[in-house]
Amino acid sequence: MAGRVMNRTERLENIEQILLRHVNGLRAVELAAACDVDRRTIYRDLSLLGESGVPVYQKEGRFFLDREHYVAQVSLNLNESVALLVAARVFARTEMQQNPHIASAFAKLGRVLPESMSSHFAHVVDAFRRNAVDRSFFSVLELVTTAWAKQVQVKLWYSHAHAQRTDTREFATYFIEPGRMGALYLVGLDYSNQRISALDIRQIRRAQILNAPYKIPANLDRHALTNNVTTSRAGTDTRKTEVILAFTADILPAIRQQMGRLGERIKVLEDERGLVKLRVNDWHDVLPWVRSWGASVEVLKPDGLREHLANDAAQIAAYYQARS
């Protein structure tokens, strides 16, 4: 707004956006300088924001937004709304934990769309809400999300994939990123080893917010870090498991589409099946995805995953034979 004086409506929106960006709050004099008005005007504006429903509060001389109760106003056009729906549907097909916040977001989107679209949004929301939700997982996810927004460290009780032990560590979250098969990773600085690590949120048994602020490095190589997560090279455990899968010819087009996005190559065997090799931290990471292909995939390696699915199949066969 440089070059002209903002009117009150513009200034109120500006103050709201400034407080959104500054998680550590600002003093009235700082807000006044940012808006080029005096402090008395800022105090009146803050009062008006509160009366309009924006949850502003003051603590130790600084003004903050109550982020747990703040509802952001986002303007989306028709195509943007549909793009969000499609993206969330793609993610939900591979996500290992059903996300109740997706259902809530789409219920809100559906209320502002034409009837021809809102009915489908209602169907999507209903499908989301029928799935079971792991409350323990989402209590951890919500807590680390809050800490990330406030840029304060968290204390984590982390269970290792390859060992029957849980340790504690302090962690500064740089971002949350989905892995290739729907798992969610917490990426940031692990103070236990002073390294940037990616932790599988499923393996966090408990989390606690600490009163210890941090700053995300300005030179952070986000591209490299996100690539490590999406190609299953993330994690603090350096051991890798090779997973070898053989897919039937009829589903190879769908597999090629997925593997192409993930940078994998498919080798066609003499029997026309497609061979896929993956390197993962733990074969449990890909178990739900492999299960989703049913009899159209054979696990060739590792033995643990192969035996696990064979036992599943035997139990299912026994169940149906007993009831036939």
C-alpha atoms as a PDB file:
ATOM      1  CA  MET A   1       0.000   0.000   0.000  1.00  0.00           C
ATOM      2  CA  ALA A   2       3.017   2.278  -0.294  1.00  0.00           C
ATOM      3  CA  GLY A   3       2.339   5.634  -1.917  1.00  0.00           C
ATOM      4  CA  ARG A   4      -1.110   6.244  -0.475  1.00  0.00           C
ATOM      5  CA  VAL A   5      -2.913   6.129   2.856  1.00  0.00           C
ATOM      6  CA  MET A   6      -4.830   2.935   3.576  1.00  0.00           C
ATOM      7  CA  ASN A   7      -8.461   3.236   4.543  1.00  0.00           C
ATOM      8  CA  ARG A   8      -9.678   1.515   7.690  1.00  0.00           C
ATOM      9  CA  THR A   9     -10.909  -1.652   5.949  1.00  0.00           C
ATOM     10  CA  GLU A  10      -7.575  -2.109   4.194  1.00  0.00           C
ATOM     11  CA  ARG A  11      -5.697  -1.395   7.415  1.00  0.00           C
ATOM     12  CA  LEU A  12      -7.687  -3.974   9.390  1.00  0.00           C
ATOM     13  CA  GLU A  13      -6.943  -6.597   6.734  1.00  0.00           C
ATOM     14  CA  ASN A  14      -3.283  -5.569   6.783  1.00  0.00           C
ATOM     15  CA  ILE A  15      -3.033  -5.867  10.572  1.00  0.00           C
ATOM     16  CA  GLU A  16      -4.622  -9.314  10.420  1.00  0.00           C
ATOM     17  CA  GLN A  17      -2.119 -10.465   7.780  1.00  0.00           C
ATOM     18  CA  ILE A  18       0.830  -8.991   9.703  1.00  0.00           C
ATOM     19  CA  LEU A  19      -0.179 -10.832  12.873  1.00  0.00           C
ATOM     20  CA  LEU A  20      -0.617 -14.026  10.873  1.00  0.00           C
ATOM     21  CA  ARG A  21       2.977 -13.812   9.642  1.00  0.00           C
ATOM     22  CA  HIS A  22       4.499 -12.946  13.030  1.00  0.00           C
ATOM     23  CA  VAL A  23       4.018 -15.951  15.280  1.00  0.00           C
ATOM     24  CA  ASN A  24       5.877 -14.220  18.138  1.00  0.00           C
ATOM     25  CA  GLY A  25       3.480 -11.288  18.134  1.00  0.00           C
ATOM     26  CA  LEU A  26       4.125  -7.560  17.739  1.00  0.00           C
ATOM     27  CA  ARG A  27       3.937  -4.499  19.946  1.00  0.00           C
ATOM     28  CA  ALA A  28       1.472  -1.720  19.166  1.00  0.00           C
ATOM     29  CA  VAL A  29       4.325   0.606  18.175  1.00  0.00           C
ATOM     30  CA  GLU A  30       5.539  -1.971  15.627  1.00  0.00           C
ATOM     31  CA  LEU A  31       2.071  -2.368  14.153  1.00  0.00           C
ATOM     32  CA  ALA A  32       1.710   1.426  14.028  1.00  0.00           C
ATOM     33  CA  ALA A  33       4.982   1.759  12.121  1.00  0.00           C
ATOM     34  CA  ALA A  34       3.970  -1.003   9.687  1.00  0.00           C
ATOM     35  CA  CYS A  35       0.650   0.741   8.973  1.00  0.00           C
ATOM     36  CA  ASP A  36       1.995   4.308   9.141  1.00  0.00           C
ATOM     37  CA  VAL A  37      -0.497   5.412  11.825  1.00  0.00           C
ATOM     38  CA  ASP A  38      -0.238   6.299  15.501  1.00  0.00           C
ATOM     39  CA  ARG A  39      -0.622   3.818  18.360  1.00  0.00           C
ATOM     40  CA  ARG A  40      -4.058   5.086  19.368  1.00  0.00           C
ATOM     41  CA  THR A  41      -5.346   4.203  15.925  1.00  0.00           C
ATOM     42  CA  ILE A  42      -3.813   0.727  16.204  1.00  0.00           C
ATOM     43  CA  TYR A  43      -5.492   0.136  19.573  1.00  0.00           C
ATOM     44  CA  ARG A  44      -8.865   1.096  18.075  1.00  0.00           C
ATOM     45  CA  ASP A  45      -8.220  -1.130  15.066  1.00  0.00           C
ATOM     46  CA  LEU A  46      -7.294  -4.098  17.258  1.00  0.00           C
ATOM     47  CA  SER A  47     -10.496  -3.605  19.218  1.00  0.00           C
ATOM     48  CA  LEU A  48     -12.504  -3.573  15.986  1.00  0.00           C
ATOM     49  CA  LEU A  49     -10.801  -6.752  14.804  1.00  0.00           C
ATOM     50  CA  GLY A  50     -11.783  -8.487  18.033  1.00  0.00           C
ATOM     51  CA  GLU A  51     -15.386  -7.312  17.716  1.00  0.00           C
ATOM     52  CA  SER A  52     -15.504  -8.672  14.145  1.00  0.00           C
ATOM     53  CA  GLY A  53     -14.511 -12.156  15.317  1.00  0.00           C
ATOM     54  CA  VAL A  54     -10.758 -12.141  14.721  1.00  0.00           C
ATOM     55  CA  PRO A  55      -9.243 -13.745  17.869  1.00  0.00           C
ATOM     56  CA  VAL A  56      -6.616 -11.154  18.840  1.00  0.00           C
ATOM     57  CA  TYR A  57      -5.127 -11.232  22.332  1.00  0.00           C
ATOM     58  CA  GLN A  58      -2.408  -9.369  24.214  1.00  0.00           C
ATOM     59  CA  LYS A  59       0.342 -10.921  26.312  1.00  0.00           C
ATOM     60  CA  GLU A  60       3.283  -9.146  27.925  1.00  0.00           C
ATOM     61  CA  GLY A  61       2.783  -6.065  25.776  1.00  0.00           C
ATOM     62  CA  ARG A  62       2.603  -7.951  22.470  1.00  0.00           C
ATOM     63  CA  PHE A  63      -0.422  -8.691  20.290  1.00  0.00           C
ATOM     64  CA  PHE A  64      -1.036 -12.170  18.863  1.00  0.00           C
ATOM     65  CA  LEU A  65      -3.571 -14.100  16.827  1.00  0.00           C
ATOM     66  CA  ASP A  66      -5.047 -17.085  18.648  1.00  0.00           C
ATOM     67  CA  ARG A  67      -4.197 -19.568  15.895  1.00  0.00           C
ATOM     68  CA  GLU A  68      -6.131 -22.438  17.419  1.00  0.00           C
ATOM     69  CA  HIS A  69      -9.378 -20.488  17.018  1.00  0.00           C
ATOM     70  CA  TYR A  70      -8.527 -18.349  14.009  1.00  0.00           C
ATOM     71  CA  VAL A  71     -10.425 -19.212  10.820  1.00  0.00           C
ATOM     72  CA  ALA A  72      -8.589 -18.003   7.718  1.00  0.00           C
ATOM     73  CA  GLN A  73     -10.619 -16.394   4.946  1.00  0.00           C
ATOM     74  CA  VAL A  74      -9.449 -17.847   1.633  1.00  0.00           C
ATOM     75  CA  SER A  75     -10.946 -16.847  -1.714  1.00  0.00           C
ATOM     76  CA  LEU A  76     -11.014 -19.677  -4.264  1.00  0.00           C
ATOM     77  CA  ASN A  77     -12.517 -19.709  -7.703  1.00  0.00           C
ATOM     78  CA  LEU A  78     -14.341 -22.696  -9.154  1.00  0.00           C
ATOM     79  CA  ASN A  79     -11.317 -24.322 -10.772  1.00  0.00           C
ATOM     80  CA  GLU A  80      -9.160 -23.866  -7.675  1.00  0.00           C
ATOM     81  CA  SER A  81     -11.806 -25.558  -5.528  1.00  0.00           C
ATOM     82  CA  VAL A  82     -12.054 -28.547  -7.865  1.00  0.00           C
ATOM     83  CA  ALA A  83      -8.241 -28.796  -8.039  1.00  0.00           C
ATOM     84  CA  LEU A  84      -8.123 -29.076  -4.248  1.00  0.00           C
ATOM     85  CA  LEU A  85     -10.786 -31.770  -4.298  1.00  0.00           C
ATOM     86  CA  VAL A  86      -8.877 -33.831  -6.865  1.00  0.00           C
ATOM     87  CA  ALA A  87      -5.540 -33.427  -5.045  1.00  0.00           C
ATOM     88  CA  ALA A  88      -7.024 -34.505  -1.734  1.00  0.00           C
ATOM     89  CA  ARG A  89      -8.750 -37.496  -3.339  1.00  0.00           C
ATOM     90  CA  VAL A  90      -5.438 -38.647  -4.855  1.00  0.00           C
ATOM     91  CA  PHE A  91      -3.686 -38.309  -1.506  1.00  0.00           C
ATOM     92  CA  ALA A  92      -6.488 -40.040   0.388  1.00  0.00           C
ATOM     93  CA  ARG A  93      -6.195 -43.128  -1.818  1.00  0.00           C
ATOM     94  CA  THR A  94      -2.701 -43.832  -0.495  1.00  0.00           C
ATOM     95  CA  GLU A  95      -2.757 -42.112   2.904  1.00  0.00           C
ATOM     96  CA  MET A  96      -2.168 -44.610   5.682  1.00  0.00           C
ATOM     97  CA  GLN A  97      -4.154 -42.615   8.225  1.00  0.00           C
ATOM     98  CA  GLN A  98      -7.576 -41.183   7.402  1.00  0.00           C
ATOM     99  CA  ASN A  99      -7.549 -37.419   7.913  1.00  0.00           C
ATOM    100  CA  PRO A 100     -10.684 -35.911   9.508  1.00  0.00           C
ATOM    101  CA  HIS A 101      -9.498 -32.409   8.616  1.00  0.00           C
ATOM    102  CA  ILE A 102      -9.877 -33.218   4.909  1.00  0.00           C
ATOM    103  CA  ALA A 103     -13.542 -34.021   5.491  1.00  0.00           C
ATOM    104  CA  SER A 104     -14.038 -30.787   7.424  1.00  0.00           C
ATOM    105  CA  ALA A 105     -12.335 -28.705   4.711  1.00  0.00           C
ATOM    106  CA  PHE A 106     -14.436 -30.210   1.934  1.00  0.00           C
ATOM    107  CA  ALA A 107     -17.654 -29.802   3.845  1.00  0.00           C
ATOM    108  CA  LYS A 108     -16.892 -26.052   3.913  1.00  0.00           C
ATOM    109  CA  LEU A 109     -15.960 -25.977   0.229  1.00  0.00           C
ATOM    110  CA  GLY A 110     -19.133 -27.796  -0.720  1.00  0.00           C
ATOM    111  CA  ARG A 111     -21.317 -25.156   0.873  1.00  0.00           C
ATOM    112  CA  VAL A 112     -20.213 -22.478  -1.599  1.00  0.00           C
ATOM    113  CA  LEU A 113     -20.326 -24.514  -4.829  1.00  0.00           C
ATOM    114  CA  PRO A 114     -23.171 -24.965  -7.315  1.00  0.00           C
ATOM    115  CA  GLU A 115     -25.629 -27.769  -6.538  1.00  0.00           C
ATOM    116  CA  SER A 116     -24.281 -29.910  -9.393  1.00  0.00           C
ATOM    117  CA  MET A 117     -20.908 -29.977  -7.602  1.00  0.00           C
ATOM    118  CA  SER A 118     -21.877 -29.707  -3.952  1.00  0.00           C
ATOM    119  CA  SER A 119     -23.705 -33.046  -4.106  1.00  0.00           C
ATOM    120  CA  HIS A 120     -20.465 -34.771  -5.121  1.00  0.00           C
ATOM    121  CA  PHE A 121     -18.549 -32.938  -2.396  1.00  0.00           C
ATOM    122  CA  ALA A 122     -21.127 -34.249   0.088  1.00  0.00           C
ATOM    123  CA  HIS A 123     -20.501 -37.792  -1.190  1.00  0.00           C
ATOM    124  CA  VAL A 124     -16.732 -37.330  -0.769  1.00  0.00           C
ATOM    125  CA  VAL A 125     -17.154 -35.989   2.761  1.00  0.00           C
ATOM    126  CA  ASP A 126     -19.416 -38.902   3.683  1.00  0.00           C
ATOM    127  CA  ALA A 127     -16.838 -41.375   2.343  1.00  0.00           C
ATOM    128  CA  PHE A 128     -14.090 -39.734   4.410  1.00  0.00           C
ATOM    129  CA  ARG A 129     -16.153 -39.788   7.576  1.00  0.00           C
ATOM    130  CA  ARG A 130     -16.991 -43.482   7.272  1.00  0.00           C
ATOM    131  CA  ASN A 131     -13.314 -44.381   7.641  1.00  0.00           C
ATOM    132  CA  ALA A 132     -11.841 -45.081  11.046  1.00  0.00           C
ATOM    133  CA  VAL A 133      -9.542 -42.409  12.488  1.00  0.00           C
ATOM    134  CA  ASP A 134      -6.477 -43.081  14.623  1.00  0.00           C
ATOM    135  CA  ARG A 135      -6.960 -40.440  17.309  1.00  0.00           C
ATOM    136  CA  SER A 136      -3.508 -41.027  18.790  1.00  0.00           C
ATOM    137  CA  PHE A 137      -1.866 -40.357  15.414  1.00  0.00           C
ATOM    138  CA  PHE A 138      -3.861 -37.170  14.860  1.00  0.00           C
ATOM    139  CA  SER A 139      -3.257 -35.817  18.340  1.00  0.00           C
ATOM    140  CA  VAL A 140       0.466 -36.009  17.541  1.00  0.00           C
ATOM    141  CA  LEU A 141      -0.031 -34.526  14.057  1.00  0.00           C
ATOM    142  CA  GLU A 142      -2.093 -31.613  15.381  1.00  0.00           C
ATOM    143  CA  LEU A 143       0.445 -30.869  18.115  1.00  0.00           C
ATOM    144  CA  VAL A 144       3.480 -30.853  15.803  1.00  0.00           C
ATOM    145  CA  THR A 145       1.510 -28.748  13.296  1.00  0.00           C
ATOM    146  CA  THR A 146       0.815 -26.180  16.019  1.00  0.00           C
ATOM    147  CA  ALA A 147       4.481 -26.156  17.023  1.00  0.00           C
ATOM    148  CA  TRP A 148       5.524 -25.727  13.378  1.00  0.00           C
ATOM    149  CA  ALA A 149       3.185 -22.737  12.993  1.00  0.00           C
ATOM    150  CA  LYS A 150       4.570 -21.141  16.165  1.00  0.00           C
ATOM    151  CA  GLN A 151       8.163 -22.147  15.306  1.00  0.00           C
ATOM    152  CA  VAL A 152       8.834 -23.712  18.664  1.00  0.00           C
ATOM    153  CA  GLN A 153      10.585 -27.013  19.279  1.00  0.00           C
ATOM    154  CA  VAL A 154       8.841 -30.236  20.248  1.00  0.00           C
ATOM    155  CA  LYS A 155       9.919 -33.113  22.430  1.00  0.00           C
ATOM    156  CA  LEU A 156       9.185 -36.428  20.712  1.00  0.00           C
ATOM    157  CA  TRP A 157       8.961 -39.988  21.962  1.00  0.00           C
ATOM    158  CA  TYR A 158      10.061 -41.855  18.828  1.00  0.00           C
ATOM    159  CA  SER A 159       9.778 -45.589  18.193  1.00  0.00           C
ATOM    160  CA  HIS A 160      12.360 -47.061  15.813  1.00  0.00           C
ATOM    161  CA  ALA A 161      11.248 -49.204  12.892  1.00  0.00           C
ATOM    162  CA  HIS A 162      14.107 -51.730  13.236  1.00  0.00           C
ATOM    163  CA  ALA A 163      14.419 -51.889  17.016  1.00  0.00           C
ATOM    164  CA  GLN A 164      12.049 -52.473  19.903  1.00  0.00           C
ATOM    165  CA  ARG A 165      12.885 -49.243  21.674  1.00  0.00           C
ATOM    166  CA  THR A 166      11.616 -45.699  22.037  1.00  0.00           C
ATOM    167  CA  ASP A 167      13.855 -42.706  22.626  1.00  0.00           C
ATOM    168  CA  THR A 168      13.216 -39.022  23.245  1.00  0.00           C
ATOM    169  CA  ARG A 169      14.527 -36.202  21.148  1.00  0.00           C
ATOM    170  CA  GLU A 170      14.026 -32.478  20.686  1.00  0.00           C
ATOM    171  CA  PHE A 171      13.045 -31.432  17.181  1.00  0.00           C
ATOM    172  CA  ALA A 172      12.612 -28.218  15.157  1.00  0.00           C
ATOM    173  CA  THR A 173      10.080 -28.748  12.357  1.00  0.00           C
ATOM    174  CA  TYR A 174      10.910 -27.236   8.962  1.00  0.00           C
ATOM    175  CA  PHE A 175       7.927 -28.786   7.162  1.00  0.00           C
ATOM    176  CA  ILE A 176       5.612 -31.827   6.965  1.00  0.00           C
ATOM    177  CA  GLU A 177       5.775 -33.870   3.767  1.00  0.00           C
ATOM    178  CA  PRO A 178       3.921 -36.956   2.505  1.00  0.00           C
ATOM    179  CA  GLY A 179       6.015 -39.949   1.477  1.00  0.00           C
ATOM    180  CA  ARG A 180       5.546 -42.009  -1.649  1.00  0.00           C
ATOM    181  CA  MET A 181       3.005 -44.441  -0.170  1.00  0.00           C
ATOM    182  CA  GLY A 182       0.967 -42.043   1.949  1.00  0.00           C
ATOM    183  CA  ALA A 183       3.060 -41.897   5.121  1.00  0.00           C
ATOM    184  CA  LEU A 184       3.656 -38.452   6.611  1.00  0.00           C
ATOM    185  CA  TYR A 185       7.114 -37.259   7.601  1.00  0.00           C
ATOM    186  CA  LEU A 186       8.232 -34.553   9.979  1.00  0.00           C
ATOM    187  CA  VAL A 187      11.294 -32.922   8.398  1.00  0.00           C
ATOM    188  CA  GLY A 188      13.568 -30.700  10.429  1.00  0.00           C
ATOM    189  CA  LEU A 189      16.549 -30.398  12.750  1.00  0.00           C
ATOM    190  CA  ASP A 190      16.996 -33.295  15.165  1.00  0.00           C
ATOM    191  CA  TYR A 191      18.960 -31.916  18.119  1.00  0.00           C
ATOM    192  CA  SER A 192      19.949 -35.419  19.271  1.00  0.00           C
ATOM    193  CA  ASN A 193      22.414 -35.674  16.387  1.00  0.00           C
ATOM    194  CA  GLN A 194      22.398 -32.069  15.069  1.00  0.00           C
ATOM    195  CA  ARG A 195      21.271 -33.299  11.648  1.00  0.00           C
ATOM    196  CA  ILE A 196      18.302 -32.610   9.416  1.00  0.00           C
ATOM    197  CA  SER A 197      16.155 -35.731   9.593  1.00  0.00           C
ATOM    198  CA  ALA A 198      12.786 -37.001   8.412  1.00  0.00           C
ATOM    199  CA  LEU A 199      10.740 -38.805  11.057  1.00  0.00           C
ATOM    200  CA  ASP A 200       7.745 -40.974  10.226  1.00  0.00           C
ATOM    201  CA  ILE A 201       4.880 -39.447  12.220  1.00  0.00           C
ATOM    202  CA  ARG A 202       3.333 -42.912  12.651  1.00  0.00           C
ATOM    203  CA  GLN A 203       6.311 -43.815  14.819  1.00  0.00           C
ATOM    204  CA  ILE A 204       5.948 -40.817  17.155  1.00  0.00           C
ATOM    205  CA  ARG A 205       4.220 -42.175  20.243  1.00  0.00           C
ATOM    206  CA  ARG A 206       3.933 -38.868  22.076  1.00  0.00           C
ATOM    207  CA  ALA A 207       4.788 -35.205  21.520  1.00  0.00           C
ATOM    208  CA  GLN A 208       5.127 -32.166  23.756  1.00  0.00           C
ATOM    209  CA  ILE A 209       5.504 -28.498  22.793  1.00  0.00           C
ATOM    210  CA  LEU A 210       8.568 -26.813  24.275  1.00  0.00           C
ATOM    211  CA  ASN A 211       9.071 -23.138  25.022  1.00  0.00           C
ATOM    212  CA  ALA A 212      12.094 -23.009  22.731  1.00  0.00           C
ATOM    213  CA  PRO A 213      11.792 -20.950  19.526  1.00  0.00           C
ATOM    214  CA  TYR A 214      13.854 -21.672  16.424  1.00  0.00           C
ATOM    215  CA  LYS A 215      14.355 -20.217  12.952  1.00  0.00           C
ATOM    216  CA  ILE A 216      14.092 -22.106   9.676  1.00  0.00           C
ATOM    217  CA  PRO A 217      17.369 -21.565   7.725  1.00  0.00           C
ATOM    218  CA  ALA A 218      16.987 -19.112   4.866  1.00  0.00           C
ATOM    219  CA  ASN A 219      19.207 -21.296   2.642  1.00  0.00           C
ATOM    220  CA  LEU A 220      17.283 -24.515   3.328  1.00  0.00           C
ATOM    221  CA  ASP A 221      17.407 -26.830   0.285  1.00  0.00           C
ATOM    222  CA  ARG A 222      13.737 -27.755   0.267  1.00  0.00           C
ATOM    223  CA  HIS A 223      13.912 -29.438  -3.133  1.00  0.00           C
ATOM    224  CA  ALA A 224      16.543 -31.941  -2.005  1.00  0.00           C
ATOM    225  CA  LEU A 225      14.774 -32.648   1.273  1.00  0.00           C
ATOM    226  CA  THR A 226      11.347 -33.216  -0.288  1.00  0.00           C
ATOM    227  CA  ASN A 227      12.928 -35.404  -2.967  1.00  0.00           C
ATOM    228  CA  ASN A 228      14.516 -37.537  -0.240  1.00  0.00           C
ATOM    229  CA  VAL A 229      11.111 -38.060   1.360  1.00  0.00           C
ATOM    230  CA  THR A 230       9.207 -38.870  -1.831  1.00  0.00           C
ATOM    231  CA  THR A 231      11.857 -41.339  -3.015  1.00  0.00           C
ATOM    232  CA  SER A 232      11.940 -43.165   0.341  1.00  0.00           C
ATOM    233  CA  ARG A 233      15.428 -42.020   1.248  1.00  0.00           C
ATOM    234  CA  ALA A 234      14.140 -40.161   4.299  1.00  0.00           C
ATOM    235  CA  GLY A 235      14.585 -41.137   7.907  1.00  0.00           C
ATOM    236  CA  THR A 236      17.215 -41.422  10.568  1.00  0.00           C
ATOM    237  CA  ASP A 237      17.751 -45.141  10.067  1.00  0.00           C
ATOM    238  CA  THR A 238      20.347 -45.564   7.321  1.00  0.00           C
ATOM    239  CA  ARG A 239      19.550 -49.228   6.598  1.00  0.00           C
ATOM    240  CA  LYS A 240      17.415 -49.822   3.510  1.00  0.00           C
ATOM    241  CA  THR A 241      15.160 -52.675   2.470  1.00  0.00           C
ATOM    242  CA  GLU A 242      14.842 -53.699  -1.155  1.00  0.00           C
ATOM    243  CA  VAL A 243      11.285 -54.506  -2.219  1.00  0.00           C
ATOM    244  CA  ILE A 244      10.836 -56.339  -5.530  1.00  0.00           C
ATOM    245  CA  LEU A 245       7.321 -56.632  -6.964  1.00  0.00           C
ATOM    246  CA  ALA A 246       5.897 -58.289 -10.080  1.00  0.00           C
ATOM    247  CA  PHE A 247       2.650 -56.759 -11.408  1.00  0.00           C
ATOM    248  CA  THR A 248       0.308 -58.458 -13.879  1.00  0.00           C
ATOM    249  CA  ALA A 249       0.233 -57.084 -17.407  1.00  0.00           C
ATOM    250  CA  ASP A 250      -3.338 -55.730 -17.180  1.00  0.00           C
ATOM    251  CA  ILE A 251      -2.470 -53.159 -14.514  1.00  0.00           C
ATOM    252  CA  LEU A 252       0.911 -52.090 -15.891  1.00  0.00           C
ATOM    253  CA  PRO A 253      -0.486 -48.830 -17.368  1.00  0.00           C
ATOM    254  CA  ALA A 254      -1.647 -47.743 -13.899  1.00  0.00           C
ATOM    255  CA  ILE A 255       1.640 -48.826 -12.317  1.00  0.00           C
ATOM    256  CA  ARG A 256       3.642 -46.993 -14.985  1.00  0.00           C
ATOM    257  CA  GLN A 257       1.704 -43.826 -14.230  1.00  0.00           C
ATOM    258  CA  GLN A 258       2.510 -44.042 -10.521  1.00  0.00           C
ATOM    259  CA  MET A 259       6.092 -45.177 -10.922  1.00  0.00           C
ATOM    260  CA  GLY A 260       6.728 -42.519 -13.564  1.00  0.00           C
ATOM    261  CA  ARG A 261       5.883 -39.780 -11.073  1.00  0.00           C
ATOM    262  CA  LEU A 262       8.195 -41.418  -8.547  1.00  0.00           C
ATOM    263  CA  GLY A 263      11.100 -41.755 -10.934  1.00  0.00           C
ATOM    264  CA  GLU A 264      11.032 -45.587 -10.990  1.00  0.00           C
ATOM    265  CA  ARG A 265      11.609 -47.812 -14.018  1.00  0.00           C
ATOM    266  CA  ILE A 266       9.633 -50.963 -14.840  1.00  0.00           C
ATOM    267  CA  LYS A 267      11.240 -54.008 -16.428  1.00  0.00           C
ATOM    268  CA  VAL A 268       8.900 -56.235 -18.459  1.00  0.00           C
ATOM    269  CA  LEU A 269       9.509 -59.953 -17.824  1.00  0.00           C
ATOM    270  CA  GLU A 270       9.097 -62.849 -20.267  1.00  0.00           C
ATOM    271  CA  ASP A 271       5.640 -63.623 -18.835  1.00  0.00           C
ATOM    272  CA  GLU A 272       4.688 -59.961 -19.550  1.00  0.00           C
ATOM    273  CA  ARG A 273       4.558 -59.021 -15.883  1.00  0.00           C
ATOM    274  CA  GLY A 274       6.188 -55.762 -14.836  1.00  0.00           C
ATOM    275  CA  LEU A 275       9.076 -55.866 -12.353  1.00  0.00           C
ATOM    276  CA  VAL A 276       9.420 -52.942  -9.926  1.00  0.00           C
ATOM    277  CA  LYS A 277      12.268 -52.471  -7.450  1.00  0.00           C
ATOM    278  CA  LEU A 278      11.959 -50.068  -4.519  1.00  0.00           C
ATOM    279  CA  ARG A 279      14.346 -49.021  -1.744  1.00  0.00           C
ATOM    280  CA  VAL A 280      12.503 -48.243   1.479  1.00  0.00           C
ATOM    281  CA  ASN A 281      13.305 -47.753   5.147  1.00  0.00           C
ATOM    282  CA  ASP A 282      10.945 -50.526   6.221  1.00  0.00           C
ATOM    283  CA  TRP A 283       8.743 -52.821   4.118  1.00  0.00           C
ATOM    284  CA  HIS A 284       5.831 -51.966   6.432  1.00  0.00           C
ATOM    285  CA  ASP A 285       5.881 -48.542   4.725  1.00  0.00           C
ATOM    286  CA  VAL A 286       4.603 -50.066   1.477  1.00  0.00           C
ATOM    287  CA  LEU A 287       2.371 -52.779   2.961  1.00  0.00           C
ATOM    288  CA  PRO A 288      -0.974 -50.924   2.538  1.00  0.00           C
ATOM    289  CA  TRP A 289      -0.072 -49.921  -1.031  1.00  0.00           C
ATOM    290  CA  VAL A 290       0.946 -53.464  -2.009  1.00  0.00           C
ATOM    291  CA  ARG A 291      -2.218 -54.867  -0.401  1.00  0.00           C
ATOM    292  CA  SER A 292      -4.336 -52.477  -2.470  1.00  0.00           C
ATOM    293  CA  TRP A 293      -3.334 -54.343  -5.688  1.00  0.00           C
ATOM    294  CA  GLY A 294      -4.607 -57.692  -4.390  1.00  0.00           C
ATOM    295  CA  ALA A 295      -3.821 -60.698  -6.600  1.00  0.00           C
ATOM    296  CA  SER A 296      -2.417 -58.412  -9.328  1.00  0.00           C
ATOM    297  CA  VAL A 297       0.950 -58.233  -7.580  1.00  0.00           C
ATOM    298  CA  GLU A 298       3.425 -60.827  -6.334  1.00  0.00           C
ATOM    299  CA  VAL A 299       6.071 -59.931  -3.774  1.00  0.00           C
ATOM    300  CA  LEU A 300       9.403 -61.458  -4.778  1.00  0.00           C
ATOM    301  CA  LYS A 301      11.427 -59.796  -2.056  1.00  0.00           C
ATOM    302  CA  PRO A 302      11.784 -59.411   0.950  1.00  0.00           C
ATOM    303  CA  ASP A 303      10.733 -62.672   2.524  1.00  0.00           C
ATOM    304  CA  GLY A 304       9.128 -60.891   5.468  1.00  0.00           C
ATOM    305  CA  LEU A 305       6.685 -58.974   3.283  1.00  0.00           C
ATOM    306  CA  ARG A 306       5.991 -62.042   1.144  1.00  0.00           C
ATOM    307  CA  GLU A 307       5.236 -64.197   4.186  1.00  0.00           C
ATOM    308  CA  HIS A 308       3.081 -61.495   5.742  1.00  0.00           C
ATOM    309  CA  LEU A 309       0.859 -61.275   2.666  1.00  0.00           C
ATOM    310  CA  ALA A 310       0.765 -65.067   2.308  1.00  0.00           C
ATOM    311  CA  ASN A 311      -0.486 -65.346   5.900  1.00  0.00           C
ATOM    312  CA  ASP A 312      -3.090 -62.665   5.196  1.00  0.00           C
ATOM    313  CA  ALA A 313      -4.291 -64.582   2.142  1.00  0.00           C
ATOM    314  CA  ALA A 314      -4.459 -67.866   4.085  1.00  0.00           C
ATOM    315  CA  GLN A 315      -6.520 -66.253   6.843  1.00  0.00           C
ATOM    316  CA  ILE A 316      -8.911 -64.708   4.325  1.00  0.00           C
ATOM    317  CA  ALA A 317      -9.297 -68.041   2.493  1.00  0.00           C
ATOM    318  CA  ALA A 318      -9.961 -69.870   5.754  1.00  0.00           C
ATOM    319  CA  TYR A 319     -12.542 -67.263   6.745  1.00  0.00           C
ATOM    320  CA  TYR A 320     -14.533 -67.682   3.546  1.00  0.00           C
ATOM    321  CA  GLN A 321     -14.184 -71.478   3.452  1.00  0.00           C
ATOM    322  CA  ALA A 322     -15.614 -71.710   6.964  1.00  0.00           C
ATOM    323  CA  ARG A 323     -18.674 -69.715   5.843  1.00  0.00           C
ATOM    324  CA  SER A 324     -19.260 -71.281   2.434  1.00  0.00           C
END
